[in-house]
Every structure is written in C-alpha cells, then in structure tokens.
C-alpha cells in the first residue's frame, strides 16, 4: 500500500480476493495509519435472490439488455453516493446536489431586498406623481414625515439604492448561470436559440463535465469502489478508468500535485488474465485467512473467547470446519450459538 502511494503513476488499483476474504478490513486498517489521506467509499452491494438466478437462466437471450441496464444503474448509483458525500458548497458548478432546508433568514433577507428595490424603483419612475400626492396629504404629521421623500435630492438616493440592489441581483443571476446554466433556451414564437446544446447521451457521457467536477472537487485522495463486481457489468470499470484519466489530466494543468486514485475491491475472477493486467495499474491480492484447512483453529479461538468450547465435541467441530471457508459465516455461527445457549 505504501508502494502505491509512493508512485504517482499508479492510479487504478485493484484489491482482489474472494468474498469475505478481508479486503475492506485490510483497507480500513491501513486508513488508521494514514490519517493525512482522505478515503471516500462508494459501496454498491447487490445480493441476488434465488428467483433472480432462475430468471436469469431463463432469459439468457436478453443478457445484453440486462447488462446495459445494469451499467446505467451503476452509473446512477455511483453519482448518487458521491453527491451525498460532498458538501454542496464544494460543487457550486454542478446541477447535482442534495436538497437542503432553506434558511428563513435568507428568505426574509431576499424578500426585504426585493421590496426595497421595487419601492425605490417606483419612487424614481413615478416621482412627480408621488410628490403631488404628498402635497395633498391633510395630516400634518404624516405629511411632515413623507415630505423629505418628495425632495429632488431623495430621488437620487432611491436611484442609487435601486441600482445597488439590481447589481446584487444580477451578480447572483450571473453566478447561477455560470455555475448551473439555468437559462438554456431563449425563444420567441417560432424562433428559438439554443444557448446550451442538448445531448442524447446518458449518465457519464451526458453529464461528463459535471461528473469530472464531482470527482475532482470531492476533496478525497482515494475513492474506493466496493462490490461493483457483483453486478457482472465490466464496462463500468472502463468508464471509471476514463474518468480517472481525465481528472488526473486536469490536475496536471493545475496546482493539484497529488493524483486521484481509484481503489477497486473485487473478486479474483472479475477479468481474464490479460484484461486484469491491462486495466489495473497495480493488483494487490489478498490471501484468505480462513479456508477448510484452518477454520477448525478459528472455531477453537472464537468459541474459547465466548466460553462455550466445552459444549462441543472435537470430532463435530473438525467435521463442521471442513465446510467453512468464510470468516463472516464462522463468526456468525459462533455468535448465534452463544445467543441461543444463553
């Protein structure tokens, strides 16, 4: 892992191993030693029910369509999880954001500013009518209070106030246009001008600029993709590698010296041999801690820690251990037995 971070050319790293082999645990352990690096996790767990397996066997002819759907779903899920882990203030130029509660103070401020602008503007435009109306007021106190607003000098004040507030409004509108592109088309009857050309592509292709902005502005040194191999949609890895290449190409043009690395937690057989070495810059295989040959010792350790080892016969545990090659299942068996025994 240290070797990976010491070499800037290594940007797409695979941590490979069977399910429940401990890929996530090893990465979490390494994170405790690298507090200066920020890791952002995108987990796409997918558990297939038995009926789903039978349906897939029956619909082999539609496998290409299923794969296409899965790739689009994966792209949407990746963007969704990424958006929810980035503060909106860090990605002002994207249209992707999490809905937040609007501050009442902000709303009141905009209402007051709009009211002042309208009053000042009407005062400037209809100054003569307002001056005549003030002269006709019969109440002395009210006329005295409003009389200074009918003076010519006060008209300059209203003009200055309306201009300042208008400039503030234009600033926010221009900022929203630059960041969001809120005005996309100007049309008049049958005449229309496309300010921003539409695109028929979807997800990563359609929103490529915004996707690159999300990944680049996430503030992470490493983005970890977990359980994507469960979908059997290998083309998503090609898309992510392309995104990684474009992001790091942009970073080379700026002051960001550290590359953005993608870590993929995958099973061993996700790619054929040549594709594995061609796609990933570095592959870190994880050796299983539990298999049929050593699960008996693991049982002894966990059952001893729970204080229930004496309830089992040695021959029974030896026979059972031959079928256990998953640490999660082993721990679950021990935990459930302890609960039932109590």
Protein backbone atom coordinates (compact mmCIF):
# COMPACT_ATOMS: atom_id res chain seq x y z
CA UNK A 1 0.00 0.00 0.00
CA UNK A 2 2.88 2.38 0.75
CA UNK A 3 4.37 1.49 -2.61
CA UNK A 4 1.11 2.50 -4.30
CA UNK A 5 1.10 5.97 -2.74
CA UNK A 6 4.80 6.49 -3.42
CA UNK A 7 4.28 6.02 -7.17
CA UNK A 8 2.14 8.66 -8.85
CA UNK A 9 1.72 6.50 -11.96
CA UNK A 10 -0.43 4.05 -10.02
CA UNK A 11 -3.94 5.47 -10.20
CA UNK A 12 -6.22 2.45 -10.71
CA UNK A 13 -5.56 -0.16 -8.05
CA UNK A 14 -7.37 -3.45 -7.57
CA UNK A 15 -7.54 -5.18 -4.19
CA UNK A 16 -8.62 -8.65 -5.24
CA UNK A 17 -9.80 -11.69 -3.37
CA UNK A 18 -12.78 -13.92 -2.76
CA UNK A 19 -15.86 -12.61 -0.98
CA UNK A 20 -15.36 -12.12 2.78
CA UNK A 21 -11.62 -12.55 2.45
CA UNK A 22 -10.96 -9.30 4.30
CA UNK A 23 -10.38 -6.72 1.55
CA UNK A 24 -12.33 -3.98 3.33
CA UNK A 25 -10.76 -4.85 6.70
CA UNK A 26 -7.24 -4.50 5.32
CA UNK A 27 -8.08 -1.15 3.75
CA UNK A 28 -9.68 0.10 6.97
CA UNK A 29 -6.59 -0.96 8.92
CA UNK A 30 -4.35 0.93 6.52
CA UNK A 31 -6.52 4.05 6.82
CA UNK A 32 -5.78 4.22 10.55
CA UNK A 33 -2.09 4.56 9.65
CA UNK A 34 -2.69 7.25 7.00
CA UNK A 35 -4.72 9.91 8.77
CA UNK A 36 -3.44 12.57 6.35
CA UNK A 37 -5.21 10.90 3.42
CA UNK A 38 -8.94 11.11 2.84
CA UNK A 39 -10.75 8.00 1.61
CA UNK A 40 -14.22 8.23 0.12
CA UNK A 41 -16.19 4.97 -0.14
CA UNK A 42 -18.81 4.06 -2.72
CA UNK A 43 -20.44 0.76 -1.82
CA UNK A 44 -22.75 -0.91 -4.32
CA UNK A 45 -23.73 -4.12 -2.57
CA UNK A 46 -26.05 -6.33 -4.61
CA UNK A 47 -27.45 -9.59 -3.30
CA UNK A 48 -29.16 -11.87 -5.79
CA UNK A 49 -32.19 -13.83 -4.66
CA UNK A 50 -32.77 -17.41 -5.75
CA UNK A 51 -35.65 -16.43 -8.02
CA UNK A 52 -33.40 -13.87 -9.72
CA UNK A 53 -30.90 -16.60 -10.53
CA UNK A 54 -33.56 -18.80 -12.12
CA UNK A 55 -34.95 -15.88 -14.11
CA UNK A 56 -31.50 -15.04 -15.43
CA UNK A 57 -31.02 -18.63 -16.59
CA UNK A 58 -34.32 -18.48 -18.48
CA UNK A 59 -33.62 -15.12 -20.09
CA UNK A 60 -30.16 -15.76 -21.48
CA UNK A 61 -31.22 -14.23 -24.80
CA UNK A 62 -31.75 -10.87 -23.10
CA UNK A 63 -28.34 -10.84 -21.42
CA UNK A 64 -27.04 -7.88 -23.44
CA UNK A 65 -30.06 -5.77 -22.49
CA UNK A 66 -29.70 -6.75 -18.83
CA UNK A 67 -26.03 -5.76 -18.89
CA UNK A 68 -26.86 -2.37 -20.42
CA UNK A 69 -29.46 -1.71 -17.73
CA UNK A 70 -27.04 -2.68 -15.00
CA UNK A 71 -24.35 -0.34 -16.29
CA UNK A 72 -26.74 2.61 -16.31
CA UNK A 73 -27.92 1.71 -12.81
CA UNK A 74 -24.35 1.53 -11.57
CA UNK A 75 -23.50 4.93 -13.03
CA UNK A 76 -26.54 6.46 -11.35
CA UNK A 77 -25.75 4.82 -8.01
CA UNK A 78 -22.13 5.99 -8.13
CA UNK A 79 -23.18 9.58 -8.78
CA UNK A 80 -25.87 9.41 -6.10
CA UNK A 81 -23.48 8.19 -3.40
CA UNK A 82 -20.82 10.66 -4.47
CA UNK A 83 -23.19 13.62 -4.31
CA UNK A 84 -24.38 12.73 -0.81
CA UNK A 85 -20.81 12.69 0.49
CA UNK A 86 -19.74 16.09 -0.86
CA UNK A 87 -20.79 19.38 0.77
CA UNK A 88 -22.85 21.45 -1.71
CA UNK A 89 -20.53 24.41 -1.18
CA UNK A 90 -17.70 22.39 -2.77
CA UNK A 91 -19.59 21.75 -6.02
CA UNK A 92 -21.38 25.00 -6.91
CA UNK A 93 -20.92 24.46 -10.65
CA UNK A 94 -22.92 21.24 -10.84
CA UNK A 95 -26.63 20.65 -11.04
CA UNK A 96 -26.22 17.60 -8.83
CA UNK A 97 -26.90 18.42 -5.22
CA UNK A 98 -28.71 17.21 -2.14
CA UNK A 99 -31.85 19.10 -1.19
CA UNK A 100 -31.34 21.17 1.94
CA UNK A 101 -33.58 23.23 4.16
CA UNK A 102 -33.53 26.89 3.13
CA UNK A 103 -32.65 29.32 5.88
CA UNK A 104 -35.58 31.50 6.94
CA UNK A 105 -33.17 34.38 7.50
CA UNK A 106 -32.01 34.13 3.88
CA UNK A 107 -35.58 34.11 2.58
CA UNK A 108 -36.54 37.12 4.70
CA UNK A 109 -33.43 38.98 3.53
CA UNK A 110 -34.30 38.42 -0.13
CA UNK A 111 -37.91 39.47 0.43
CA UNK A 112 -36.82 42.69 2.16
CA UNK A 113 -34.24 43.43 -0.56
CA UNK A 114 -36.83 42.85 -3.30
CA UNK A 115 -39.36 45.08 -1.57
CA UNK A 116 -36.83 47.89 -1.13
CA UNK A 117 -35.83 47.58 -4.78
CA UNK A 118 -39.43 47.80 -6.00
CA UNK A 119 -40.22 50.77 -3.76
CA UNK A 120 -37.05 52.62 -4.79
CA UNK A 121 -37.68 51.91 -8.47
CA UNK A 122 -41.29 53.09 -8.35
CA UNK A 123 -40.17 56.17 -6.43
CA UNK A 124 -37.77 57.04 -9.24
CA UNK A 125 -40.18 56.31 -12.07
CA UNK A 126 -43.24 57.98 -10.55
CA UNK A 127 -41.53 60.71 -8.59
CA UNK A 128 -43.76 63.51 -9.91
CA UNK A 129 -46.95 61.65 -9.01
CA UNK A 130 -45.58 60.84 -5.54
CA UNK A 131 -44.59 64.48 -4.97
CA UNK A 132 -48.08 65.66 -5.93
CA UNK A 133 -49.66 63.05 -3.66
CA UNK A 134 -47.56 64.13 -0.65
CA UNK A 135 -48.67 67.75 -1.16
CA UNK A 136 -52.33 66.67 -0.96
CA UNK A 137 -51.98 64.85 2.41
CA UNK A 138 -54.02 66.63 5.07
CA UNK A 139 -52.47 65.03 8.17
CA UNK A 140 -49.63 67.30 9.22
CA UNK A 141 -47.55 64.66 11.00
CA UNK A 142 -47.70 62.19 8.10
CA UNK A 143 -47.03 64.94 5.58
CA UNK A 144 -44.02 66.09 7.60
CA UNK A 145 -42.60 62.55 7.70
CA UNK A 146 -43.07 61.95 3.95
CA UNK A 147 -42.13 65.42 2.79
CA UNK A 148 -38.40 64.66 2.66
CA UNK A 149 -39.13 61.77 0.24
CA UNK A 150 -40.66 64.29 -2.15
CA UNK A 151 -37.46 66.30 -2.38
CA UNK A 152 -35.35 66.05 -5.54
CA UNK A 153 -32.24 65.03 -3.61
CA UNK A 154 -34.02 61.99 -2.18
CA UNK A 155 -34.77 60.86 -5.71
CA UNK A 156 -31.02 60.38 -6.19
CA UNK A 157 -30.93 58.19 -3.07
CA UNK A 158 -33.71 55.98 -4.43
CA UNK A 159 -31.92 55.75 -7.76
CA UNK A 160 -28.66 54.71 -6.06
CA UNK A 161 -30.44 52.11 -3.87
CA UNK A 162 -32.24 50.56 -6.84
CA UNK A 163 -29.00 50.39 -8.85
CA UNK A 164 -27.07 48.72 -6.00
CA UNK A 165 -29.77 46.13 -5.36
CA UNK A 166 -30.13 45.50 -9.10
CA UNK A 167 -26.37 44.88 -9.28
CA UNK A 168 -26.64 42.37 -6.42
CA UNK A 169 -29.48 40.57 -8.20
CA UNK A 170 -27.55 40.50 -11.47
CA UNK A 171 -24.49 39.13 -9.67
CA UNK A 172 -26.44 36.19 -8.26
CA UNK A 173 -28.21 35.56 -11.57
CA UNK A 174 -24.91 35.59 -13.46
CA UNK A 175 -23.31 33.32 -10.86
CA UNK A 176 -26.21 30.86 -11.16
CA UNK A 177 -25.97 30.99 -14.95
CA UNK A 178 -22.24 30.28 -14.94
CA UNK A 179 -22.49 27.53 -12.33
CA UNK A 180 -25.83 25.97 -13.21
CA UNK A 181 -26.78 27.15 -16.68
CA UNK A 182 -30.31 27.99 -15.53
CA UNK A 183 -31.16 29.71 -18.84
CA UNK A 184 -30.73 27.13 -21.60
CA UNK A 185 -33.02 28.46 -24.32
CA UNK A 186 -34.37 31.80 -25.49
CA UNK A 187 -37.46 31.53 -27.69
CA UNK A 188 -39.96 33.86 -29.26
CA UNK A 189 -42.90 32.28 -31.06
CA UNK A 190 -41.30 30.00 -33.72
CA UNK A 191 -37.84 31.49 -33.36
CA UNK A 192 -35.58 29.77 -30.83
CA UNK A 193 -31.91 29.98 -29.90
CA UNK A 194 -30.22 27.06 -28.13
CA UNK A 195 -27.81 28.57 -25.63
CA UNK A 196 -26.60 25.14 -24.46
CA UNK A 197 -26.80 22.27 -26.90
CA UNK A 198 -28.71 19.25 -25.62
CA UNK A 199 -27.25 15.78 -25.55
CA UNK A 200 -28.83 12.40 -26.09
CA UNK A 201 -26.10 10.53 -24.20
CA UNK A 202 -26.82 9.24 -20.73
CA UNK A 203 -25.17 9.41 -17.33
CA UNK A 204 -21.36 9.62 -17.52
CA UNK A 205 -21.41 10.66 -21.19
CA UNK A 206 -24.28 13.10 -20.88
CA UNK A 207 -23.00 14.74 -17.70
CA UNK A 208 -19.29 14.21 -18.25
CA UNK A 209 -18.22 17.73 -17.26
CA UNK A 210 -20.28 17.62 -14.09
CA UNK A 211 -19.10 14.09 -13.30
CA UNK A 212 -15.49 15.22 -13.61
CA UNK A 213 -16.25 18.19 -11.38
CA UNK A 214 -17.80 15.93 -8.73
CA UNK A 215 -14.85 13.58 -8.61
CA UNK A 216 -12.29 16.39 -8.74
CA UNK A 217 -13.93 18.53 -6.04
CA UNK A 218 -14.78 15.71 -3.64
CA UNK A 219 -11.68 16.53 -1.60
CA UNK A 220 -10.59 12.88 -1.42
CA UNK A 221 -7.21 11.37 -2.19
CA UNK A 222 -8.70 7.93 -2.79
CA UNK A 223 -12.14 6.82 -3.94
CA UNK A 224 -12.90 3.22 -3.01
CA UNK A 225 -15.41 1.24 -5.08
CA UNK A 226 -16.78 -1.79 -3.28
CA UNK A 227 -18.88 -4.72 -4.52
CA UNK A 228 -19.29 -3.50 -8.10
CA UNK A 229 -18.21 -6.92 -9.33
CA UNK A 230 -21.48 -8.39 -8.03
CA UNK A 231 -23.31 -6.79 -10.97
CA UNK A 232 -21.18 -8.53 -13.64
CA UNK A 233 -21.13 -5.30 -15.65
CA UNK A 234 -17.46 -4.97 -16.53
CA UNK A 235 -17.88 -1.98 -18.83
CA UNK A 236 -18.39 0.28 -15.81
CA UNK A 237 -14.72 -0.22 -14.97
CA UNK A 238 -13.77 1.13 -18.39
CA UNK A 239 -15.92 4.20 -17.77
CA UNK A 240 -14.34 4.78 -14.36
CA UNK A 241 -10.83 4.42 -15.74
CA UNK A 242 -11.66 7.00 -18.41
CA UNK A 243 -12.98 9.37 -15.72
CA UNK A 244 -9.84 8.84 -13.65
CA UNK A 245 -7.62 9.59 -16.66
CA UNK A 246 -9.47 12.82 -17.47
CA UNK A 247 -9.46 14.02 -13.86
CA UNK A 248 -5.74 13.48 -13.42
CA UNK A 249 -5.08 15.13 -16.78
CA UNK A 250 -6.90 18.22 -15.49
CA UNK A 251 -4.98 18.11 -12.23
CA UNK A 252 -1.69 18.16 -14.13
CA UNK A 253 -2.72 21.56 -15.52
CA UNK A 254 -3.49 22.98 -12.07
CA UNK A 255 -1.66 23.21 -8.77
CA UNK A 256 -3.03 19.86 -7.54
CA UNK A 257 0.09 17.73 -7.40
CA UNK A 258 -1.44 14.62 -5.85
CA UNK A 259 -3.29 12.32 -8.27
CA UNK A 260 -6.75 10.98 -7.53
CA UNK A 261 -6.58 7.22 -7.07
CA UNK A 262 -9.38 4.73 -7.59
CA UNK A 263 -9.32 1.58 -5.47
CA UNK A 264 -11.48 -1.34 -6.63
CA UNK A 265 -12.35 -4.11 -4.17
CA UNK A 266 -13.05 -7.05 -6.46
CA UNK A 267 -13.19 -10.81 -6.60
CA UNK A 268 -10.33 -12.57 -8.35
CA UNK A 269 -12.16 -13.74 -11.47
CA UNK A 270 -13.75 -10.45 -12.49
CA UNK A 271 -11.45 -10.17 -15.55
CA UNK A 272 -9.50 -12.64 -17.63
CA UNK A 273 -5.77 -12.52 -17.02
CA UNK A 274 -4.74 -10.14 -19.82
CA UNK A 275 -7.55 -7.69 -19.15
CA UNK A 276 -6.67 -7.59 -15.45
CA UNK A 277 -3.08 -6.52 -16.06
CA UNK A 278 -4.09 -4.16 -18.86
CA UNK A 279 -6.82 -2.33 -16.96
CA UNK A 280 -5.33 -2.02 -13.46
CA UNK A 281 -2.06 -0.26 -12.76
CA UNK A 282 -1.48 -2.40 -9.69
CA UNK A 283 -3.15 -5.51 -8.27
CA UNK A 284 -2.93 -6.39 -4.60
CA UNK A 285 -4.18 -9.96 -3.98
CA UNK A 286 -5.49 -10.83 -0.52
CA UNK A 287 -4.76 -14.28 0.84
CA UNK A 288 -7.81 -15.77 2.63
CA UNK A 289 -7.43 -16.02 6.39
CA UNK A 290 -9.96 -18.85 6.59
CA UNK A 291 -10.45 -21.98 4.49
CA UNK A 292 -11.32 -25.59 5.11
CA UNK A 293 -7.80 -26.37 6.32
CA UNK A 294 -7.59 -23.85 9.16
CA UNK A 295 -11.19 -22.99 10.07
CA UNK A 296 -11.03 -25.55 12.92
CA UNK A 297 -8.39 -23.44 14.70
CA UNK A 298 -10.52 -20.34 14.14
CA UNK A 299 -13.52 -22.12 15.67
CA UNK A 300 -11.45 -23.05 18.72
CA UNK A 301 -10.34 -19.45 19.21
CA UNK A 302 -13.79 -17.88 18.86
CA UNK A 303 -15.62 -20.50 20.93
CA UNK A 304 -13.00 -20.24 23.64
CA UNK A 305 -13.43 -16.48 23.74
CA UNK A 306 -17.19 -16.93 24.11
CA UNK A 307 -16.74 -19.53 26.87
CA UNK A 308 -18.75 -22.26 25.12
CA UNK A 309 -15.99 -24.50 23.73
CA UNK A 310 -16.64 -27.25 26.29
CA UNK A 311 -20.17 -27.70 24.85
CA UNK A 312 -18.76 -29.11 21.58
CA UNK A 313 -17.15 -32.40 20.75
CA UNK A 314 -13.83 -32.20 18.95
CA UNK A 315 -14.91 -34.55 16.14
CA UNK A 316 -18.02 -32.45 15.48
CA UNK A 317 -16.02 -29.22 15.12
CA UNK A 318 -13.49 -30.91 12.87
CA UNK A 319 -16.24 -32.17 10.57
CA UNK A 320 -18.02 -28.82 10.56
CA UNK A 321 -14.87 -26.84 9.83
CA UNK A 322 -14.37 -28.62 6.50
CA UNK A 323 -17.38 -26.72 5.10
CA UNK A 324 -16.46 -23.27 6.45
CA UNK A 325 -14.25 -21.06 4.30
CA UNK A 326 -15.74 -17.66 5.20
CA UNK A 327 -14.77 -15.71 8.31
CA UNK A 328 -18.11 -13.91 8.41
CA UNK A 329 -20.04 -17.16 8.42
CA UNK A 330 -17.73 -18.60 11.07
CA UNK A 331 -18.22 -15.61 13.36
CA UNK A 332 -21.97 -15.66 12.74
CA UNK A 333 -22.18 -19.33 13.74
CA UNK A 334 -20.32 -18.63 16.97
CA UNK A 335 -22.40 -15.55 17.78
CA UNK A 336 -25.73 -17.24 17.11
CA UNK A 337 -24.81 -20.30 19.18
CA UNK A 338 -23.76 -18.07 22.07
CA UNK A 339 -27.11 -16.23 21.93
CA UNK A 340 -29.18 -19.43 21.70
CA UNK A 341 -27.19 -21.04 24.52
CA UNK A 342 -27.77 -18.09 26.81
